[in-house]
Structures are given as C-alpha cells and as structure tokens.
Amino acid sequence: MKPFLLLASFITTALLCTSTLFAHHSSTAQFGEFGSNTKTFEGTIVGIKWGNPHITMDVEITGGDLEPGSKWRLLSHPTGVQEAYGFSKEEFNVGDTIRIIGWLGLRNQPVFWPRAIQVNDGPLKSNLRYTDMIDIANGTFEAMGIQPSANLNGSSPARAGEEATARLAEMGLLDADGNVIWPPPAN
C-alpha cells in the first residue's frame, strides 16, 4: 500500500506544479504590444506585494491621464526580473508618491503595466529593457528622460523584434555577439 500512496502523492504534486506553470499569462496579451501608446499618471502607493508571480502595488491616482481618486493596480515582473532591471523592494513604501508611464489593461480592469517608474523625487527608471531597445532604435529613448534598465547593456535584442534589431545594428549599437551596447560609444 505504501508504494501506491507514494506514487499517488508524486502524480498529484506533478499535476499541481504543471497546472501552475501553464496558468501564467502573457503581459502583452493583457496590456498590448510594448511598442504601443502609453499613459502617464501619478499617484500614492496604498499597498505593496513584493512577491511572485508578479509584484503588485495598489495606487490611488492623483493626476495625469487617469481620473484622480481612482484606484489602480500596478502589475509587474517577478521579483528576480524586477531586481535585474535595477529595482529593489526597499525603494517602495506605502505612502510614497509614484509617477508611472505605462500601459492600461485591455480588459477594462483598473490595472496597468509600467514602462517606467519614478518614486518620490528619484529617477524615472525603465521597467522593460526590450522597450528601451525599441525606443532607442526609434530615436525616442533619450528624449523620454528614462534611466535605462540595469541589464540593458549586453542584452540580446531578439525580443525587441527584427526591425528594432536591424536598426540597432545600423546605428552601431550591437557588439560582435549581436548584443546591445548602451550607453552608446563616444564618437
């Protein structure tokens, strides 16, 4: 009887883990393509969950492209990805002022995905290195005043798309291995 229980336990655990893996969703399916138009707004952080599968922050809107007084939820990367982009849990506290450039959810829910985040008077920091690459290729990145993601330099541009990759190559912003060079070399 014990081998049967052990096998049943193993199968149940495997099925639970598999269903969790397939339950994850695509950010672009929920928020649109990351080269599309963004909204800019400000608010106050009223709740934070720094965990996986996504970091979330509840924000009460104070201005910008969203209605003041409305409550929205920031959804973002898992903790490891967010930290690789240059953010840390210690940067965000309930009561902090936050400025966001981001994409609104496509399903009429009060959720958004950040393109860039500014906390209090800190820098406006990128939340998506692939969108950094698209904006660099389009010649719009520097004018946005966004600090690039911490892991932009040396990253493969493949997820930014063929068009952006070709433009980055034409601009001399790919190294011998085809990875992004940023900041650009001094002339």
N, C-alpha and C. Protein backbone atom coordinates (compact mmCIF):
# COMPACT_ATOMS: atom_id res chain seq x y z
N MET A 1 0.81 -1.20 0.00
CA MET A 1 0.00 0.00 0.00
C MET A 1 0.86 1.26 0.00
N LYS A 2 1.99 1.26 0.69
CA LYS A 2 2.83 2.44 0.74
C LYS A 2 3.34 2.88 -0.63
N PRO A 3 3.80 1.97 -1.50
CA PRO A 3 4.25 2.39 -2.83
C PRO A 3 3.13 3.08 -3.61
N PHE A 4 1.89 2.58 -3.46
CA PHE A 4 0.76 3.20 -4.14
C PHE A 4 0.55 4.63 -3.66
N LEU A 5 0.60 4.86 -2.35
CA LEU A 5 0.43 6.21 -1.80
C LEU A 5 1.56 7.14 -2.24
N LEU A 6 2.76 6.61 -2.27
CA LEU A 6 3.90 7.40 -2.72
C LEU A 6 3.72 7.81 -4.18
N LEU A 7 3.33 6.90 -5.02
CA LEU A 7 3.11 7.18 -6.44
C LEU A 7 1.96 8.18 -6.62
N ALA A 8 0.88 8.00 -5.89
CA ALA A 8 -0.27 8.91 -5.98
C ALA A 8 0.13 10.32 -5.54
N SER A 9 0.93 10.42 -4.48
CA SER A 9 1.40 11.71 -3.99
C SER A 9 2.28 12.39 -5.03
N PHE A 10 3.17 11.60 -5.65
CA PHE A 10 4.06 12.14 -6.68
C PHE A 10 3.26 12.66 -7.87
N ILE A 11 2.30 11.90 -8.35
CA ILE A 11 1.49 12.30 -9.50
C ILE A 11 0.68 13.56 -9.18
N THR A 12 0.08 13.60 -8.00
CA THR A 12 -0.69 14.78 -7.60
C THR A 12 0.19 16.02 -7.56
N THR A 13 1.36 15.91 -6.97
CA THR A 13 2.29 17.04 -6.90
C THR A 13 2.70 17.49 -8.29
N ALA A 14 3.03 16.54 -9.16
CA ALA A 14 3.43 16.87 -10.53
C ALA A 14 2.31 17.59 -11.27
N LEU A 15 1.07 17.13 -11.13
CA LEU A 15 -0.05 17.78 -11.80
C LEU A 15 -0.28 19.19 -11.27
N LEU A 16 -0.18 19.39 -9.98
CA LEU A 16 -0.35 20.72 -9.40
C LEU A 16 0.72 21.68 -9.90
N CYS A 17 1.96 21.23 -9.94
CA CYS A 17 3.05 22.08 -10.43
C CYS A 17 2.86 22.40 -11.90
N THR A 18 2.46 21.44 -12.70
CA THR A 18 2.24 21.66 -14.13
C THR A 18 1.11 22.64 -14.36
N SER A 19 0.01 22.53 -13.64
CA SER A 19 -1.11 23.45 -13.85
C SER A 19 -0.71 24.86 -13.45
N THR A 20 0.13 25.02 -12.44
CA THR A 20 0.60 26.34 -12.05
C THR A 20 1.45 26.96 -13.15
N LEU A 21 2.31 26.16 -13.77
CA LEU A 21 3.15 26.67 -14.84
C LEU A 21 2.32 27.16 -16.02
N PHE A 22 1.31 26.42 -16.41
CA PHE A 22 0.52 26.79 -17.56
C PHE A 22 -0.50 27.87 -17.25
N ALA A 23 -0.73 28.21 -16.00
CA ALA A 23 -1.70 29.24 -15.64
C ALA A 23 -1.14 30.64 -15.85
N HIS A 24 0.15 30.79 -16.02
CA HIS A 24 0.75 32.10 -16.20
C HIS A 24 0.29 32.70 -17.52
N HIS A 25 0.16 34.02 -17.58
CA HIS A 25 -0.37 34.69 -18.77
C HIS A 25 0.67 35.58 -19.42
N SER A 26 0.39 35.99 -20.64
CA SER A 26 1.26 36.88 -21.38
C SER A 26 0.94 38.33 -21.04
N SER A 27 1.97 39.11 -20.71
CA SER A 27 1.77 40.52 -20.40
C SER A 27 1.25 41.28 -21.61
N THR A 28 1.78 40.98 -22.80
CA THR A 28 1.31 41.69 -23.99
C THR A 28 -0.13 41.33 -24.33
N ALA A 29 -0.59 40.12 -23.98
CA ALA A 29 -1.99 39.77 -24.20
C ALA A 29 -2.90 40.57 -23.28
N GLN A 30 -2.41 40.92 -22.11
CA GLN A 30 -3.23 41.66 -21.15
C GLN A 30 -3.11 43.17 -21.32
N PHE A 31 -1.94 43.66 -21.84
CA PHE A 31 -1.71 45.10 -21.89
C PHE A 31 -1.40 45.64 -23.28
N GLY A 32 -1.30 44.78 -24.28
CA GLY A 32 -0.98 45.23 -25.63
C GLY A 32 0.51 45.15 -25.89
N GLU A 33 0.88 45.44 -27.12
CA GLU A 33 2.29 45.40 -27.51
C GLU A 33 3.07 46.47 -26.77
N PHE A 34 4.30 46.15 -26.38
CA PHE A 34 5.10 47.10 -25.62
C PHE A 34 5.76 48.17 -26.46
N GLY A 35 5.34 48.34 -27.70
CA GLY A 35 5.75 49.48 -28.51
C GLY A 35 4.57 50.42 -28.72
N SER A 36 3.42 50.10 -28.13
CA SER A 36 2.20 50.88 -28.33
C SER A 36 2.17 52.10 -27.40
N ASN A 37 1.13 52.91 -27.57
CA ASN A 37 1.00 54.15 -26.80
C ASN A 37 0.86 53.87 -25.31
N THR A 38 1.44 54.75 -24.53
CA THR A 38 1.40 54.65 -23.08
C THR A 38 0.60 55.81 -22.51
N LYS A 39 0.28 55.72 -21.25
CA LYS A 39 -0.35 56.79 -20.47
C LYS A 39 0.63 57.20 -19.39
N THR A 40 0.52 58.44 -18.94
CA THR A 40 1.36 58.94 -17.85
C THR A 40 0.44 59.41 -16.73
N PHE A 41 0.76 59.02 -15.50
CA PHE A 41 -0.06 59.40 -14.38
C PHE A 41 0.75 59.34 -13.09
N GLU A 42 0.20 59.96 -12.05
CA GLU A 42 0.84 59.99 -10.74
C GLU A 42 -0.14 59.44 -9.72
N GLY A 43 0.41 59.03 -8.58
CA GLY A 43 -0.45 58.55 -7.51
C GLY A 43 0.32 58.30 -6.23
N THR A 44 -0.38 57.77 -5.26
CA THR A 44 0.20 57.42 -3.97
C THR A 44 0.08 55.91 -3.80
N ILE A 45 1.18 55.29 -3.40
CA ILE A 45 1.15 53.84 -3.15
C ILE A 45 0.35 53.59 -1.88
N VAL A 46 -0.69 52.73 -1.99
CA VAL A 46 -1.52 52.41 -0.82
C VAL A 46 -1.40 50.95 -0.41
N GLY A 47 -0.69 50.15 -1.21
CA GLY A 47 -0.46 48.75 -0.88
C GLY A 47 0.63 48.17 -1.77
N ILE A 48 1.41 47.23 -1.22
CA ILE A 48 2.52 46.62 -1.96
C ILE A 48 2.56 45.13 -1.67
N LYS A 49 2.75 44.33 -2.72
CA LYS A 49 3.05 42.90 -2.56
C LYS A 49 4.29 42.64 -3.41
N TRP A 50 5.44 42.51 -2.76
CA TRP A 50 6.70 42.24 -3.45
C TRP A 50 6.91 40.74 -3.42
N GLY A 51 6.37 40.05 -4.40
CA GLY A 51 6.45 38.60 -4.44
C GLY A 51 6.21 38.09 -5.83
N ASN A 52 6.09 36.80 -5.95
CA ASN A 52 5.89 36.15 -7.24
C ASN A 52 4.49 35.57 -7.30
N PRO A 53 3.84 35.43 -8.45
CA PRO A 53 4.45 35.51 -9.76
C PRO A 53 4.63 36.94 -10.28
N HIS A 54 3.97 37.93 -9.67
CA HIS A 54 4.14 39.32 -10.08
C HIS A 54 4.22 40.20 -8.85
N ILE A 55 4.98 41.26 -8.97
CA ILE A 55 4.96 42.32 -7.96
C ILE A 55 3.70 43.14 -8.24
N THR A 56 2.97 43.49 -7.20
CA THR A 56 1.81 44.35 -7.38
C THR A 56 1.89 45.52 -6.42
N MET A 57 1.35 46.65 -6.86
CA MET A 57 1.21 47.83 -6.00
C MET A 57 -0.15 48.43 -6.27
N ASP A 58 -0.85 48.75 -5.22
CA ASP A 58 -2.12 49.45 -5.34
C ASP A 58 -1.83 50.94 -5.25
N VAL A 59 -2.39 51.68 -6.20
CA VAL A 59 -2.07 53.11 -6.33
C VAL A 59 -3.37 53.90 -6.38
N GLU A 60 -3.45 54.95 -5.55
CA GLU A 60 -4.56 55.91 -5.65
C GLU A 60 -4.07 57.04 -6.54
N ILE A 61 -4.77 57.26 -7.64
CA ILE A 61 -4.36 58.21 -8.66
C ILE A 61 -4.57 59.65 -8.17
N THR A 62 -3.55 60.50 -8.42
CA THR A 62 -3.64 61.91 -8.04
C THR A 62 -3.59 62.84 -9.25
N GLY A 63 -3.23 62.33 -10.44
CA GLY A 63 -3.18 63.19 -11.61
C GLY A 63 -2.66 62.47 -12.83
N GLY A 64 -2.63 63.20 -13.94
CA GLY A 64 -2.17 62.63 -15.20
C GLY A 64 -3.32 62.16 -16.05
N ASP A 65 -3.11 61.09 -16.81
CA ASP A 65 -4.09 60.59 -17.77
C ASP A 65 -5.19 59.73 -17.16
N LEU A 66 -5.18 59.53 -15.85
CA LEU A 66 -6.23 58.75 -15.18
C LEU A 66 -6.98 59.64 -14.20
N GLU A 67 -8.20 59.26 -13.89
CA GLU A 67 -9.06 60.06 -13.02
C GLU A 67 -8.53 60.13 -11.59
N PRO A 68 -8.27 61.33 -11.07
CA PRO A 68 -7.82 61.46 -9.68
C PRO A 68 -8.83 60.82 -8.72
N GLY A 69 -8.30 60.15 -7.71
CA GLY A 69 -9.12 59.47 -6.72
C GLY A 69 -9.43 58.03 -7.08
N SER A 70 -9.23 57.65 -8.34
CA SER A 70 -9.47 56.25 -8.72
C SER A 70 -8.33 55.37 -8.20
N LYS A 71 -8.63 54.12 -8.01
CA LYS A 71 -7.63 53.17 -7.51
C LYS A 71 -7.28 52.18 -8.62
N TRP A 72 -5.98 52.01 -8.85
CA TRP A 72 -5.47 51.14 -9.89
C TRP A 72 -4.41 50.22 -9.29
N ARG A 73 -4.16 49.12 -9.98
CA ARG A 73 -3.15 48.17 -9.53
C ARG A 73 -2.04 48.08 -10.57
N LEU A 74 -0.82 48.29 -10.12
CA LEU A 74 0.37 48.08 -10.93
C LEU A 74 0.69 46.59 -10.88
N LEU A 75 0.84 45.97 -12.03
CA LEU A 75 1.32 44.60 -12.14
C LEU A 75 2.68 44.67 -12.78
N SER A 76 3.63 43.88 -12.32
CA SER A 76 4.95 43.91 -12.91
C SER A 76 5.58 42.54 -12.87
N HIS A 77 6.86 42.51 -13.14
CA HIS A 77 7.64 41.28 -13.24
C HIS A 77 7.72 40.53 -11.91
N PRO A 78 8.18 39.28 -11.96
CA PRO A 78 8.53 38.59 -10.71
C PRO A 78 9.70 39.31 -10.04
N THR A 79 9.93 39.04 -8.80
CA THR A 79 10.95 39.77 -8.03
C THR A 79 12.33 39.70 -8.67
N GLY A 80 12.78 38.54 -9.12
CA GLY A 80 14.12 38.41 -9.69
C GLY A 80 14.31 39.25 -10.94
N VAL A 81 13.29 39.28 -11.79
CA VAL A 81 13.37 40.10 -13.01
C VAL A 81 13.39 41.57 -12.64
N GLN A 82 12.49 41.96 -11.74
CA GLN A 82 12.42 43.36 -11.33
C GLN A 82 13.76 43.83 -10.75
N GLU A 83 14.37 42.99 -9.95
CA GLU A 83 15.66 43.35 -9.35
C GLU A 83 16.76 43.41 -10.42
N ALA A 84 16.71 42.53 -11.43
CA ALA A 84 17.68 42.59 -12.52
C ALA A 84 17.53 43.88 -13.32
N TYR A 85 16.33 44.44 -13.35
CA TYR A 85 16.09 45.71 -14.05
C TYR A 85 16.57 46.91 -13.24
N GLY A 86 16.95 46.70 -11.98
CA GLY A 86 17.50 47.78 -11.17
C GLY A 86 16.60 48.31 -10.08
N PHE A 87 15.55 47.58 -9.74
CA PHE A 87 14.65 48.00 -8.67
C PHE A 87 14.89 47.13 -7.44
N SER A 88 14.60 47.68 -6.27
CA SER A 88 14.67 46.89 -5.04
C SER A 88 13.42 47.14 -4.21
N LYS A 89 13.08 46.17 -3.41
CA LYS A 89 11.90 46.25 -2.55
C LYS A 89 11.96 47.49 -1.66
N GLU A 90 13.17 47.84 -1.22
CA GLU A 90 13.34 48.96 -0.28
C GLU A 90 13.00 50.32 -0.90
N GLU A 91 12.93 50.40 -2.22
CA GLU A 91 12.60 51.66 -2.90
C GLU A 91 11.14 52.06 -2.75
N PHE A 92 10.27 51.10 -2.46
CA PHE A 92 8.83 51.33 -2.49
C PHE A 92 8.24 51.19 -1.10
N ASN A 93 7.49 52.20 -0.68
CA ASN A 93 6.83 52.16 0.62
C ASN A 93 5.42 52.71 0.48
N VAL A 94 4.51 52.17 1.27
CA VAL A 94 3.16 52.72 1.32
C VAL A 94 3.28 54.20 1.71
N GLY A 95 2.57 55.05 0.97
CA GLY A 95 2.60 56.49 1.20
C GLY A 95 3.52 57.23 0.23
N ASP A 96 4.40 56.50 -0.47
CA ASP A 96 5.28 57.14 -1.45
C ASP A 96 4.47 57.66 -2.63
N THR A 97 4.97 58.74 -3.21
CA THR A 97 4.42 59.26 -4.46
C THR A 97 5.08 58.50 -5.60
N ILE A 98 4.30 58.13 -6.58
CA ILE A 98 4.82 57.36 -7.70
C ILE A 98 4.33 58.00 -9.00
N ARG A 99 5.23 58.11 -9.96
CA ARG A 99 4.87 58.59 -11.31
C ARG A 99 5.14 57.42 -12.25
N ILE A 100 4.18 57.16 -13.12
CA ILE A 100 4.24 55.99 -13.99
C ILE A 100 4.03 56.41 -15.45
N ILE A 101 4.81 55.81 -16.32
CA ILE A 101 4.49 55.75 -17.74
C ILE A 101 4.16 54.29 -17.97
N GLY A 102 2.97 53.99 -18.46
CA GLY A 102 2.61 52.59 -18.58
C GLY A 102 1.46 52.32 -19.52
N TRP A 103 1.15 51.03 -19.64
CA TRP A 103 0.07 50.55 -20.49
C TRP A 103 -1.10 50.13 -19.62
N LEU A 104 -2.31 50.54 -20.01
CA LEU A 104 -3.50 50.15 -19.28
C LEU A 104 -3.96 48.77 -19.74
N GLY A 105 -4.60 48.05 -18.85
CA GLY A 105 -5.11 46.73 -19.18
C GLY A 105 -6.14 46.80 -20.30
N LEU A 106 -6.18 45.77 -21.12
CA LEU A 106 -7.10 45.73 -22.27
C LEU A 106 -8.48 45.20 -21.91
N ARG A 107 -8.68 44.76 -20.68
CA ARG A 107 -9.94 44.09 -20.31
C ARG A 107 -10.82 44.95 -19.39
N ASN A 108 -10.68 46.26 -19.50
CA ASN A 108 -11.50 47.19 -18.71
C ASN A 108 -11.40 46.95 -17.20
N GLN A 109 -10.23 46.56 -16.76
CA GLN A 109 -9.96 46.42 -15.33
C GLN A 109 -8.97 47.53 -14.95
N PRO A 110 -9.00 48.00 -13.72
CA PRO A 110 -8.09 49.08 -13.31
C PRO A 110 -6.68 48.55 -12.99
N VAL A 111 -6.00 48.05 -14.03
CA VAL A 111 -4.64 47.53 -13.88
C VAL A 111 -3.76 48.16 -14.95
N PHE A 112 -2.48 48.27 -14.65
CA PHE A 112 -1.54 48.80 -15.63
C PHE A 112 -0.20 48.10 -15.48
N TRP A 113 0.59 48.12 -16.57
CA TRP A 113 1.93 47.57 -16.59
C TRP A 113 2.87 48.73 -16.80
N PRO A 114 3.86 48.92 -15.94
CA PRO A 114 4.72 50.11 -16.05
C PRO A 114 5.78 50.01 -17.14
N ARG A 115 5.92 51.07 -17.92
CA ARG A 115 7.03 51.24 -18.84
C ARG A 115 8.22 51.82 -18.07
N ALA A 116 7.91 52.78 -17.20
CA ALA A 116 8.92 53.42 -16.37
C ALA A 116 8.27 53.88 -15.07
N ILE A 117 9.07 53.89 -14.00
CA ILE A 117 8.56 54.21 -12.67
C ILE A 117 9.48 55.23 -12.01
N GLN A 118 8.88 56.24 -11.41
CA GLN A 118 9.62 57.21 -10.59
C GLN A 118 8.99 57.20 -9.20
N VAL A 119 9.81 57.02 -8.18
CA VAL A 119 9.34 57.03 -6.80
C VAL A 119 9.83 58.31 -6.15
N ASN A 120 8.88 59.07 -5.57
CA ASN A 120 9.17 60.35 -4.94
C ASN A 120 9.96 61.22 -5.92
N ASP A 121 11.12 61.73 -5.55
CA ASP A 121 11.90 62.59 -6.43
C ASP A 121 13.06 61.85 -7.09
N GLY A 122 13.01 60.53 -7.09
CA GLY A 122 14.08 59.72 -7.68
C GLY A 122 14.03 59.75 -9.20
N PRO A 123 14.93 59.00 -9.83
CA PRO A 123 14.96 58.96 -11.29
C PRO A 123 13.77 58.18 -11.86
N LEU A 124 13.40 58.50 -13.08
CA LEU A 124 12.40 57.76 -13.82
C LEU A 124 13.12 56.56 -14.42
N LYS A 125 12.87 55.36 -13.88
CA LYS A 125 13.63 54.17 -14.24
C LYS A 125 12.83 53.24 -15.13
N SER A 126 13.50 52.69 -16.14
CA SER A 126 12.86 51.77 -17.07
C SER A 126 12.47 50.47 -16.38
N ASN A 127 11.33 49.95 -16.79
CA ASN A 127 10.85 48.66 -16.31
C ASN A 127 10.89 47.60 -17.40
N LEU A 128 11.37 47.95 -18.61
CA LEU A 128 11.36 47.00 -19.72
C LEU A 128 12.54 47.24 -20.65
N ARG A 129 13.55 46.39 -20.59
CA ARG A 129 14.71 46.60 -21.44
C ARG A 129 14.39 46.43 -22.91
N TYR A 130 13.43 45.57 -23.26
CA TYR A 130 13.10 45.39 -24.68
C TYR A 130 12.43 46.64 -25.24
N THR A 131 11.63 47.32 -24.44
CA THR A 131 11.05 48.57 -24.89
C THR A 131 12.11 49.65 -24.94
N ASP A 132 13.10 49.61 -24.04
CA ASP A 132 14.24 50.52 -24.16
C ASP A 132 14.86 50.36 -25.54
N MET A 133 15.06 49.11 -25.96
CA MET A 133 15.68 48.83 -27.26
C MET A 133 14.84 49.37 -28.41
N ILE A 134 13.53 49.18 -28.33
CA ILE A 134 12.63 49.69 -29.38
C ILE A 134 12.71 51.21 -29.43
N ASP A 135 12.67 51.86 -28.26
CA ASP A 135 12.72 53.33 -28.22
C ASP A 135 14.08 53.86 -28.69
N ILE A 136 15.16 53.16 -28.35
CA ILE A 136 16.49 53.55 -28.83
C ILE A 136 16.52 53.44 -30.36
N ALA A 137 16.03 52.33 -30.89
CA ALA A 137 16.00 52.12 -32.34
C ALA A 137 15.15 53.17 -33.05
N ASN A 138 14.08 53.63 -32.39
CA ASN A 138 13.20 54.65 -32.97
C ASN A 138 13.73 56.07 -32.76
N GLY A 139 14.82 56.21 -32.00
CA GLY A 139 15.39 57.53 -31.74
C GLY A 139 14.62 58.36 -30.74
N THR A 140 13.79 57.72 -29.91
CA THR A 140 12.96 58.46 -28.96
C THR A 140 13.38 58.27 -27.51
N PHE A 141 14.29 57.34 -27.24
CA PHE A 141 14.60 56.97 -25.85
C PHE A 141 15.18 58.11 -25.03
N GLU A 142 16.21 58.76 -25.53
CA GLU A 142 16.89 59.80 -24.74
C GLU A 142 15.96 60.96 -24.42
N ALA A 143 15.05 61.31 -25.33
CA ALA A 143 14.13 62.42 -25.09
C ALA A 143 13.11 62.09 -23.99
N MET A 144 12.90 60.80 -23.72
CA MET A 144 11.94 60.41 -22.70
C MET A 144 12.45 60.65 -21.28
N GLY A 145 13.76 60.80 -21.13
CA GLY A 145 14.32 61.05 -19.80
C GLY A 145 14.26 59.85 -18.88
N ILE A 146 14.26 58.66 -19.45
CA ILE A 146 14.18 57.43 -18.67
C ILE A 146 15.58 56.88 -18.46
N GLN A 147 15.87 56.49 -17.23
CA GLN A 147 17.12 55.77 -16.94
C GLN A 147 16.95 54.35 -17.46
N PRO A 148 17.86 53.86 -18.31
CA PRO A 148 17.68 52.52 -18.87
C PRO A 148 17.70 51.43 -17.80
N SER A 149 17.11 50.30 -18.15
CA SER A 149 17.12 49.18 -17.21
C SER A 149 18.57 48.79 -16.93
N ALA A 150 18.82 48.32 -15.73
CA ALA A 150 20.17 47.99 -15.29
C ALA A 150 20.81 46.89 -16.12
N ASN A 151 20.00 46.03 -16.75
CA ASN A 151 20.56 44.92 -17.52
C ASN A 151 20.41 45.13 -19.02
N LEU A 152 20.30 46.38 -19.48
CA LEU A 152 20.17 46.65 -20.91
C LEU A 152 21.46 46.36 -21.66
N ASN A 153 22.57 46.91 -21.18
CA ASN A 153 23.85 46.74 -21.86
C ASN A 153 24.24 45.26 -21.86
N GLY A 154 24.56 44.74 -23.04
CA GLY A 154 24.96 43.35 -23.17
C GLY A 154 23.82 42.37 -23.37
N SER A 155 22.58 42.88 -23.45
CA SER A 155 21.41 42.01 -23.65
C SER A 155 21.16 41.75 -25.12
N SER A 156 20.61 40.59 -25.41
CA SER A 156 20.20 40.26 -26.78
C SER A 156 18.96 41.06 -27.13
N PRO A 157 18.91 41.66 -28.32
CA PRO A 157 17.74 42.43 -28.73
C PRO A 157 16.64 41.59 -29.38
N ALA A 158 16.76 40.28 -29.39
CA ALA A 158 15.82 39.42 -30.13
C ALA A 158 14.36 39.69 -29.79
N ARG A 159 14.04 39.84 -28.51
CA ARG A 159 12.64 40.06 -28.13
C ARG A 159 12.13 41.45 -28.48
N ALA A 160 13.04 42.36 -28.86
CA ALA A 160 12.61 43.69 -29.30
C ALA A 160 12.10 43.64 -30.74
N GLY A 161 12.36 42.54 -31.43
CA GLY A 161 11.87 42.37 -32.79
C GLY A 161 12.94 42.57 -33.84
N GLU A 162 12.69 42.01 -35.00
CA GLU A 162 13.66 42.07 -36.10
C GLU A 162 13.92 43.49 -36.56
N GLU A 163 12.86 44.29 -36.66
CA GLU A 163 13.00 45.67 -37.12
C GLU A 163 13.89 46.48 -36.17
N ALA A 164 13.62 46.41 -34.87
CA ALA A 164 14.43 47.14 -33.89
C ALA A 164 15.86 46.62 -33.89
N THR A 165 16.04 45.31 -34.00
CA THR A 165 17.39 44.73 -34.02
C THR A 165 18.16 45.24 -35.23
N ALA A 166 17.52 45.28 -36.40
CA ALA A 166 18.19 45.77 -37.61
C ALA A 166 18.59 47.23 -37.46
N ARG A 167 17.69 48.05 -36.88
CA ARG A 167 18.03 49.47 -36.68
C ARG A 167 19.16 49.65 -35.69
N LEU A 168 19.15 48.87 -34.61
CA LEU A 168 20.24 48.95 -33.62
C LEU A 168 21.57 48.60 -34.28
N ALA A 169 21.56 47.59 -35.15
CA ALA A 169 22.78 47.21 -35.87
C ALA A 169 23.24 48.36 -36.77
N GLU A 170 22.31 48.97 -37.51
CA GLU A 170 22.64 50.10 -38.39
C GLU A 170 23.22 51.27 -37.60
N MET A 171 22.75 51.45 -36.37
CA MET A 171 23.20 52.55 -35.52
C MET A 171 24.54 52.23 -34.85
N GLY A 172 25.06 51.02 -35.05
CA GLY A 172 26.32 50.62 -34.42
C GLY A 172 26.18 50.33 -32.94
N LEU A 173 24.97 49.91 -32.53
CA LEU A 173 24.69 49.68 -31.11
C LEU A 173 24.59 48.20 -30.74
N LEU A 174 25.18 47.34 -31.61
CA LEU A 174 25.28 45.93 -31.28
C LEU A 174 26.76 45.54 -31.30
N ASP A 175 27.16 44.72 -30.33
CA ASP A 175 28.55 44.27 -30.27
C ASP A 175 28.77 43.10 -31.23
N ALA A 176 29.95 42.53 -31.21
CA ALA A 176 30.31 41.44 -32.13
C ALA A 176 29.42 40.21 -31.92
N ASP A 177 28.86 40.04 -30.72
CA ASP A 177 27.97 38.91 -30.44
C ASP A 177 26.51 39.24 -30.73
N GLY A 178 26.23 40.47 -31.20
CA GLY A 178 24.86 40.87 -31.50
C GLY A 178 24.09 41.38 -30.31
N ASN A 179 24.79 41.71 -29.21
CA ASN A 179 24.13 42.23 -28.00
C ASN A 179 24.19 43.75 -27.97
N VAL A 180 23.26 44.36 -27.25
CA VAL A 180 23.13 45.81 -27.20
C VAL A 180 24.32 46.46 -26.48
N ILE A 181 24.77 47.57 -27.05
CA ILE A 181 25.79 48.42 -26.43
C ILE A 181 25.07 49.68 -25.97
N TRP A 182 24.96 49.86 -24.65
CA TRP A 182 24.32 51.08 -24.13
C TRP A 182 24.89 51.38 -22.77
N PRO A 183 25.34 52.59 -22.54
CA PRO A 183 25.19 53.77 -23.40
C PRO A 183 26.04 53.65 -24.66
N PRO A 184 25.69 54.46 -25.68
CA PRO A 184 26.41 54.35 -26.95
C PRO A 184 27.87 54.76 -26.79
N PRO A 185 28.73 54.19 -27.62
CA PRO A 185 30.14 54.56 -27.56
C PRO A 185 30.34 56.04 -27.91
N ALA A 186 31.29 56.67 -27.25
CA ALA A 186 31.59 58.08 -27.54
C ALA A 186 32.23 58.17 -28.91
N ASN A 187 31.84 59.16 -29.66
CA ASN A 187 32.41 59.33 -31.02
C ASN A 187 33.72 60.02 -30.98
